[in-house]
PDB file of N, CA and C in Angstrom:
ATOM      1  N   UNK A   1      50.729 -10.256  37.632  1.00  0.00           N
ATOM      2  CA  UNK A   1      49.547 -10.850  36.291  1.00  0.00           C
ATOM      3  C   UNK A   1      50.823 -10.492  35.332  1.00  0.00           C
ATOM      4  N   UNK A   2      50.105 -11.179  34.315  1.00  0.00           N
ATOM      5  CA  UNK A   2      51.427 -11.726  33.208  1.00  0.00           C
ATOM      6  C   UNK A   2      51.407 -10.431  32.484  1.00  0.00           C
ATOM      7  N   UNK A   3      52.904  -9.710  31.981  1.00  0.00           N
ATOM      8  CA  UNK A   3      53.169  -8.782  30.912  1.00  0.00           C
ATOM      9  C   UNK A   3      52.871  -8.687  29.572  1.00  0.00           C
ATOM     10  N   UNK A   4      52.828 -10.185  29.511  1.00  0.00           N
ATOM     11  CA  UNK A   4      52.937 -10.575  28.097  1.00  0.00           C
ATOM     12  C   UNK A   4      51.698 -11.604  27.479  1.00  0.00           C
ATOM     13  N   UNK A   5      50.974 -11.435  26.346  1.00  0.00           N
ATOM     14  CA  UNK A   5      50.051 -12.362  25.768  1.00  0.00           C
ATOM     15  C   UNK A   5      50.837 -13.090  24.909  1.00  0.00           C
ATOM     16  N   UNK A   6      50.045 -13.917  24.885  1.00  0.00           N
ATOM     17  CA  UNK A   6      50.963 -15.110  23.617  1.00  0.00           C
ATOM     18  C   UNK A   6      50.039 -14.961  22.284  1.00  0.00           C
ATOM     19  N   UNK A   7      50.108 -14.822  20.927  1.00  0.00           N
ATOM     20  CA  UNK A   7      48.951 -14.468  19.985  1.00  0.00           C
ATOM     21  C   UNK A   7      49.092 -16.213  19.535  1.00  0.00           C
ATOM     22  N   UNK A   8      48.005 -16.089  18.873  1.00  0.00           N
ATOM     23  CA  UNK A   8      48.001 -17.916  17.982  1.00  0.00           C
ATOM     24  C   UNK A   8      48.760 -17.974  17.597  1.00  0.00           C
ATOM     25  N   UNK A   9      49.645 -17.116  16.351  1.00  0.00           N
ATOM     26  CA  UNK A   9      51.138 -17.258  15.729  1.00  0.00           C
ATOM     27  C   UNK A   9      52.156 -17.852  16.758  1.00  0.00           C
ATOM     28  N   UNK A  10      52.144 -17.712  17.989  1.00  0.00           N
ATOM     29  CA  UNK A  10      53.122 -17.738  18.748  1.00  0.00           C
ATOM     30  C   UNK A  10      54.138 -16.421  19.299  1.00  0.00           C
ATOM     31  N   UNK A  11      53.758 -15.306  18.339  1.00  0.00           N
ATOM     32  CA  UNK A  11      54.325 -14.076  19.066  1.00  0.00           C
ATOM     33  C   UNK A  11      54.187 -13.602  20.117  1.00  0.00           C
ATOM     34  N   UNK A  12      54.665 -12.759  21.043  1.00  0.00           N
ATOM     35  CA  UNK A  12      54.277 -12.583  22.052  1.00  0.00           C
ATOM     36  C   UNK A  12      53.874 -10.999  22.009  1.00  0.00           C
ATOM     37  N   UNK A  13      53.004 -10.850  22.172  1.00  0.00           N
ATOM     38  CA  UNK A  13      52.116  -9.233  22.561  1.00  0.00           C
ATOM     39  C   UNK A  13      52.451  -8.626  23.978  1.00  0.00           C
ATOM     40  N   UNK A  14      53.019  -7.158  23.852  1.00  0.00           N
ATOM     41  CA  UNK A  14      53.005  -6.656  24.972  1.00  0.00           C
ATOM     42  C   UNK A  14      51.382  -6.011  25.651  1.00  0.00           C
ATOM     43  N   UNK A  15      51.631  -6.293  26.981  1.00  0.00           N
ATOM     44  CA  UNK A  15      50.340  -6.019  27.450  1.00  0.00           C
ATOM     45  C   UNK A  15      50.384  -4.183  27.483  1.00  0.00           C
ATOM     46  N   UNK A  16      49.415  -3.913  27.673  1.00  0.00           N
ATOM     47  CA  UNK A  16      49.509  -1.969  27.313  1.00  0.00           C
ATOM     48  C   UNK A  16      49.441  -1.228  28.619  1.00  0.00           C
ATOM     49  N   UNK A  17      48.997  -2.161  29.605  1.00  0.00           N
ATOM     50  CA  UNK A  17      49.634  -1.631  31.131  1.00  0.00           C
ATOM     51  C   UNK A  17      50.886  -0.766  31.240  1.00  0.00           C
ATOM     52  N   UNK A  18      52.018  -1.682  31.474  1.00  0.00           N
ATOM     53  CA  UNK A  18      53.141  -0.680  31.471  1.00  0.00           C
ATOM     54  C   UNK A  18      53.389   0.621  30.800  1.00  0.00           C
ATOM     55  N   UNK A  19      53.025  -0.088  29.193  1.00  0.00           N
ATOM     56  CA  UNK A  19      52.979   1.613  28.400  1.00  0.00           C
ATOM     57  C   UNK A  19      52.353   2.862  28.764  1.00  0.00           C
ATOM     58  N   UNK A  20      50.925   2.444  29.719  1.00  0.00           N
ATOM     59  CA  UNK A  20      50.154   3.323  30.186  1.00  0.00           C
ATOM     60  C   UNK A  20      50.854   4.030  31.468  1.00  0.00           C
ATOM     61  N   UNK A  21      51.252   3.418  32.415  1.00  0.00           N
ATOM     62  CA  UNK A  21      52.282   3.768  33.310  1.00  0.00           C
ATOM     63  C   UNK A  21      53.172   4.208  32.885  1.00  0.00           C
ATOM     64  N   UNK A  22      53.724   4.064  32.297  1.00  0.00           N
ATOM     65  CA  UNK A  22      55.226   5.247  31.903  1.00  0.00           C
ATOM     66  C   UNK A  22      54.232   6.431  30.794  1.00  0.00           C
ATOM     67  N   UNK A  23      53.338   6.669  30.687  1.00  0.00           N
ATOM     68  CA  UNK A  23      52.559   7.587  30.061  1.00  0.00           C
ATOM     69  C   UNK A  23      52.417   8.608  31.644  1.00  0.00           C
ATOM     70  N   UNK A  24      51.619   7.874  32.074  1.00  0.00           N
ATOM     71  CA  UNK A  24      51.302   8.716  33.358  1.00  0.00           C
ATOM     72  C   UNK A  24      52.340   9.159  34.092  1.00  0.00           C
ATOM     73  N   UNK A  25      53.527   8.123  34.268  1.00  0.00           N
ATOM     74  CA  UNK A  25      54.593   9.011  34.811  1.00  0.00           C
ATOM     75  C   UNK A  25      55.102  10.067  34.689  1.00  0.00           C
ATOM     76  N   UNK A  26      55.472  10.228  32.660  1.00  0.00           N
ATOM     77  CA  UNK A  26      55.666  11.216  32.392  1.00  0.00           C
ATOM     78  C   UNK A  26      54.706  12.913  32.807  1.00  0.00           C
ATOM     79  N   UNK A  27      53.682  11.951  32.711  1.00  0.00           N
ATOM     80  CA  UNK A  27      52.570  13.324  33.186  1.00  0.00           C
ATOM     81  C   UNK A  27      52.808  13.677  34.271  1.00  0.00           C
ATOM     82  N   UNK A  28      53.334  12.976  35.116  1.00  0.00           N
ATOM     83  CA  UNK A  28      53.365  13.396  36.578  1.00  0.00           C
ATOM     84  C   UNK A  28      54.064  15.078  37.017  1.00  0.00           C
ATOM     85  N   UNK A  29      55.060  15.049  35.400  1.00  0.00           N
ATOM     86  CA  UNK A  29      56.083  15.910  35.298  1.00  0.00           C
ATOM     87  C   UNK A  29      55.781  17.474  35.297  1.00  0.00           C
ATOM     88  N   UNK A  30      54.501  17.512  35.149  1.00  0.00           N
ATOM     89  CA  UNK A  30      54.099  19.201  34.211  1.00  0.00           C
ATOM     90  C   UNK A  30      53.519  19.779  35.596  1.00  0.00           C
ATOM     91  N   UNK A  31      52.556  18.827  36.671  1.00  0.00           N
ATOM     92  CA  UNK A  31      51.651  19.317  37.484  1.00  0.00           C
ATOM     93  C   UNK A  31      53.028  19.773  39.058  1.00  0.00           C
ATOM     94  N   UNK A  32      54.138  19.002  39.137  1.00  0.00           N
ATOM     95  CA  UNK A  32      55.180  18.897  39.757  1.00  0.00           C
ATOM     96  C   UNK A  32      56.169  20.186  39.522  1.00  0.00           C
ATOM     97  N   UNK A  33      56.359  20.507  38.323  1.00  0.00           N
ATOM     98  CA  UNK A  33      56.991  21.477  37.803  1.00  0.00           C
ATOM     99  C   UNK A  33      55.777  23.210  37.880  1.00  0.00           C
ATOM    100  N   UNK A  34      54.755  22.914  37.685  1.00  0.00           N
ATOM    101  CA  UNK A  34      53.709  23.938  37.831  1.00  0.00           C
ATOM    102  C   UNK A  34      53.918  23.912  39.832  1.00  0.00           C
ATOM    103  N   UNK A  35      53.592  23.333  40.177  1.00  0.00           N
ATOM    104  CA  UNK A  35      53.680  23.156  42.026  1.00  0.00           C
ATOM    105  C   UNK A  35      55.345  24.147  42.494  1.00  0.00           C
ATOM    106  N   UNK A  36      55.899  23.556  41.688  1.00  0.00           N
ATOM    107  CA  UNK A  36      57.556  24.412  42.558  1.00  0.00           C
ATOM    108  C   UNK A  36      57.461  25.281  41.837  1.00  0.00           C
ATOM    109  N   UNK A  37      56.842  25.992  40.594  1.00  0.00           N
ATOM    110  CA  UNK A  37      57.260  27.390  40.618  1.00  0.00           C
ATOM    111  C   UNK A  37      56.239  28.258  41.405  1.00  0.00           C
ATOM    112  N   UNK A  38      54.783  27.775  41.460  1.00  0.00           N
ATOM    113  CA  UNK A  38      53.899  28.481  42.683  1.00  0.00           C
ATOM    114  C   UNK A  38      54.461  28.637  44.028  1.00  0.00           C
ATOM    115  N   UNK A  39      55.081  27.580  44.258  1.00  0.00           N
ATOM    116  CA  UNK A  39      55.796  27.820  45.433  1.00  0.00           C
ATOM    117  C   UNK A  39      57.031  28.487  45.755  1.00  0.00           C
ATOM    118  N   UNK A  40      57.778  29.083  44.593  1.00  0.00           N
ATOM    119  CA  UNK A  40      58.568  29.717  44.630  1.00  0.00           C
ATOM    120  C   UNK A  40      58.066  31.044  44.792  1.00  0.00           C
ATOM    121  N   UNK A  41      56.820  31.047  43.890  1.00  0.00           N
ATOM    122  CA  UNK A  41      55.510  32.452  44.262  1.00  0.00           C
ATOM    123  C   UNK A  41      55.381  33.374  45.444  1.00  0.00           C
ATOM    124  N   UNK A  42      55.204  31.784  46.282  1.00  0.00           N
ATOM    125  CA  UNK A  42      54.800  32.357  48.017  1.00  0.00           C
ATOM    126  C   UNK A  42      55.954  32.958  48.520  1.00  0.00           C
ATOM    127  N   UNK A  43      56.919  32.487  47.933  1.00  0.00           N
ATOM    128  CA  UNK A  43      58.603  32.842  49.080  1.00  0.00           C
ATOM    129  C   UNK A  43      58.587  34.521  48.605  1.00  0.00           C
ATOM    130  N   UNK A  44      58.253  34.579  47.253  1.00  0.00           N
ATOM    131  CA  UNK A  44      58.167  35.967  46.326  1.00  0.00           C
ATOM    132  C   UNK A  44      57.432  36.842  46.920  1.00  0.00           C
ATOM    133  N   UNK A  45      56.425  36.593  47.383  1.00  0.00           N
ATOM    134  CA  UNK A  45      55.087  37.535  47.715  1.00  0.00           C
ATOM    135  C   UNK A  45      55.284  38.442  48.621  1.00  0.00           C
ATOM    136  N   UNK A  46      54.782  40.042  48.850  1.00  0.00           N
ATOM    137  CA  UNK A  46      54.952  40.556  49.897  1.00  0.00           C
ATOM    138  C   UNK A  46      54.106  39.992  51.489  1.00  0.00           C
ATOM    139  N   UNK A  47      54.683  40.344  52.642  1.00  0.00           N
ATOM    140  CA  UNK A  47      54.129  39.707  53.705  1.00  0.00           C
ATOM    141  C   UNK A  47      52.709  40.203  53.994  1.00  0.00           C
ATOM    142  N   UNK A  48      52.205  41.552  53.475  1.00  0.00           N
ATOM    143  CA  UNK A  48      50.891  42.118  53.601  1.00  0.00           C
ATOM    144  C   UNK A  48      49.718  41.094  53.153  1.00  0.00           C
ATOM    145  N   UNK A  49      49.790  40.251  52.086  1.00  0.00           N
ATOM    146  CA  UNK A  49      49.188  39.374  51.218  1.00  0.00           C
ATOM    147  C   UNK A  49      48.732  38.086  51.809  1.00  0.00           C
ATOM    148  N   UNK A  50      48.535  37.692  52.750  1.00  0.00           N
ATOM    149  CA  UNK A  50      48.275  36.531  53.529  1.00  0.00           C
ATOM    150  C   UNK A  50      47.091  35.566  52.436  1.00  0.00           C
ATOM    151  N   UNK A  51      46.463  36.520  51.839  1.00  0.00           N
ATOM    152  CA  UNK A  51      45.310  35.919  51.392  1.00  0.00           C
ATOM    153  C   UNK A  51      45.887  35.777  49.665  1.00  0.00           C
ATOM    154  N   UNK A  52      46.331  35.939  49.249  1.00  0.00           N
ATOM    155  CA  UNK A  52      47.805  35.487  47.799  1.00  0.00           C
ATOM    156  C   UNK A  52      48.293  34.745  48.521  1.00  0.00           C
ATOM    157  N   UNK A  53      48.886  34.551  49.339  1.00  0.00           N
ATOM    158  CA  UNK A  53      50.183  33.423  49.936  1.00  0.00           C
ATOM    159  C   UNK A  53      48.697  32.137  50.051  1.00  0.00           C
ATOM    160  N   UNK A  54      47.981  31.895  51.149  1.00  0.00           N
ATOM    161  CA  UNK A  54      46.921  30.796  51.239  1.00  0.00           C
ATOM    162  C   UNK A  54      46.339  29.907  49.830  1.00  0.00           C
ATOM    163  N   UNK A  55      45.915  31.424  48.798  1.00  0.00           N
ATOM    164  CA  UNK A  55      45.542  30.981  47.682  1.00  0.00           C
ATOM    165  C   UNK A  55      46.548  30.553  46.973  1.00  0.00           C
ATOM    166  N   UNK A  56      47.618  30.653  46.476  1.00  0.00           N
ATOM    167  CA  UNK A  56      48.233  30.021  45.810  1.00  0.00           C
ATOM    168  C   UNK A  56      49.491  28.948  46.476  1.00  0.00           C
ATOM    169  N   UNK A  57      49.407  28.481  47.774  1.00  0.00           N
ATOM    170  CA  UNK A  57      49.609  27.556  48.386  1.00  0.00           C
ATOM    171  C   UNK A  57      48.331  26.245  48.366  1.00  0.00           C
ATOM    172  N   UNK A  58      47.488  26.556  48.672  1.00  0.00           N
ATOM    173  CA  UNK A  58      46.432  25.542  48.146  1.00  0.00           C
ATOM    174  C   UNK A  58      46.267  24.988  46.596  1.00  0.00           C
ATOM    175  N   UNK A  59      46.731  26.107  46.015  1.00  0.00           N
ATOM    176  CA  UNK A  59      46.546  25.497  44.406  1.00  0.00           C
ATOM    177  C   UNK A  59      47.985  24.642  43.959  1.00  0.00           C
ATOM    178  N   UNK A  60      49.171  25.068  44.497  1.00  0.00           N
ATOM    179  CA  UNK A  60      50.307  24.181  44.542  1.00  0.00           C
ATOM    180  C   UNK A  60      50.374  23.295  44.837  1.00  0.00           C
ATOM    181  N   UNK A  61      49.221  22.883  46.473  1.00  0.00           N
ATOM    182  CA  UNK A  61      49.177  21.596  47.260  1.00  0.00           C
ATOM    183  C   UNK A  61      48.438  20.631  46.235  1.00  0.00           C
ATOM    184  N   UNK A  62      47.358  21.590  45.454  1.00  0.00           N
ATOM    185  CA  UNK A  62      46.936  20.556  44.603  1.00  0.00           C
ATOM    186  C   UNK A  62      47.282  19.957  43.120  1.00  0.00           C
ATOM    187  N   UNK A  63      48.300  21.224  42.872  1.00  0.00           N
ATOM    188  CA  UNK A  63      48.973  19.900  42.080  1.00  0.00           C
ATOM    189  C   UNK A  63      50.058  19.052  41.880  1.00  0.00           C
ATOM    190  N   UNK A  64      50.503  19.223  43.465  1.00  0.00           N
ATOM    191  CA  UNK A  64      51.322  18.008  43.817  1.00  0.00           C
ATOM    192  C   UNK A  64      50.756  16.849  43.813  1.00  0.00           C
ATOM    193  N   UNK A  65      49.737  17.024  44.897  1.00  0.00           N
ATOM    194  CA  UNK A  65      48.386  15.769  45.163  1.00  0.00           C
ATOM    195  C   UNK A  65      48.239  14.645  43.462  1.00  0.00           C
ATOM    196  N   UNK A  66      47.907  15.749  42.598  1.00  0.00           N
ATOM    197  CA  UNK A  66      47.543  15.476  41.624  1.00  0.00           C
ATOM    198  C   UNK A  66      48.519  14.688  40.845  1.00  0.00           C
ATOM    199  N   UNK A  67      49.799  15.223  41.494  1.00  0.00           N
ATOM    200  CA  UNK A  67      51.664  14.499  40.737  1.00  0.00           C
ATOM    201  C   UNK A  67      51.054  12.961  41.437  1.00  0.00           C
ATOM    202  N   UNK A  68      51.093  13.124  42.792  1.00  0.00           N
ATOM    203  CA  UNK A  68      51.081  11.721  43.408  1.00  0.00           C
ATOM    204  C   UNK A  68      50.327  10.853  42.638  1.00  0.00           C
ATOM    205  N   UNK A  69      48.886  11.095  42.676  1.00  0.00           N
ATOM    206  CA  UNK A  69      48.220  10.450  42.160  1.00  0.00           C
ATOM    207  C   UNK A  69      48.909   9.749  40.879  1.00  0.00           C
ATOM    208  N   UNK A  70      49.132  10.938  40.046  1.00  0.00           N
ATOM    209  CA  UNK A  70      49.695  10.588  38.691  1.00  0.00           C
ATOM    210  C   UNK A  70      50.922   9.118  38.806  1.00  0.00           C
ATOM    211  N   UNK A  71      51.668   9.085  39.646  1.00  0.00           N
ATOM    212  CA  UNK A  71      52.925   8.128  40.019  1.00  0.00           C
ATOM    213  C   UNK A  71      52.526   7.205  40.831  1.00  0.00           C
ATOM    214  N   UNK A  72      51.915   7.293  41.382  1.00  0.00           N
ATOM    215  CA  UNK A  72      50.813   5.941  42.528  1.00  0.00           C
ATOM    216  C   UNK A  72      50.146   4.937  41.080  1.00  0.00           C
ATOM    217  N   UNK A  73      49.356   5.789  40.191  1.00  0.00           N
ATOM    218  CA  UNK A  73      48.891   5.127  39.236  1.00  0.00           C
ATOM    219  C   UNK A  73      50.201   4.095  37.857  1.00  0.00           C
ATOM    220  N   UNK A  74      51.166   5.145  38.111  1.00  0.00           N
ATOM    221  CA  UNK A  74      51.920   4.856  37.118  1.00  0.00           C
ATOM    222  C   UNK A  74      52.438   3.345  37.470  1.00  0.00           C
ATOM    223  N   UNK A  75      52.627   3.479  38.932  1.00  0.00           N
ATOM    224  CA  UNK A  75      53.318   2.537  39.691  1.00  0.00           C
ATOM    225  C   UNK A  75      52.495   1.454  39.855  1.00  0.00           C
ATOM    226  N   UNK A  76      51.457   1.437  39.528  1.00  0.00           N
ATOM    227  CA  UNK A  76      50.718   0.094  39.719  1.00  0.00           C
ATOM    228  C   UNK A  76      50.267  -0.441  38.950  1.00  0.00           C
ATOM    229  N   UNK A  77      49.966   0.827  37.792  1.00  0.00           N
ATOM    230  CA  UNK A  77      50.154  -0.203  36.893  1.00  0.00           C
ATOM    231  C   UNK A  77      51.119  -0.771  35.756  1.00  0.00           C
ATOM    232  N   UNK A  78      52.306  -0.174  36.375  1.00  0.00           N
ATOM    233  CA  UNK A  78      53.438  -1.432  35.847  1.00  0.00           C
ATOM    234  C   UNK A  78      53.970  -2.597  36.317  1.00  0.00           C
ATOM    235  N   UNK A  79      53.150  -2.635  37.822  1.00  0.00           N
ATOM    236  CA  UNK A  79      53.471  -4.022  38.370  1.00  0.00           C
ATOM    237  C   UNK A  79      52.584  -5.036  37.941  1.00  0.00           C
TER     238      UNK A  79
END
């Protein structure tokens, strides 16, 4: 797929997809950071609180999956 479009006056206009891909890639940093913080919280919770560990792990995993979707979308849009 072409990344550039030619205007009638001969100038090249950049396509919007690579820019959107870069924004998605930057957006994936935030949920990854939150997921890492939550996984560190899992390591510090006392062993008697299994339900808290399970809940935090599920939420952190969902953040990681969201970040993965953002990164895959960014790579797809850049190609």
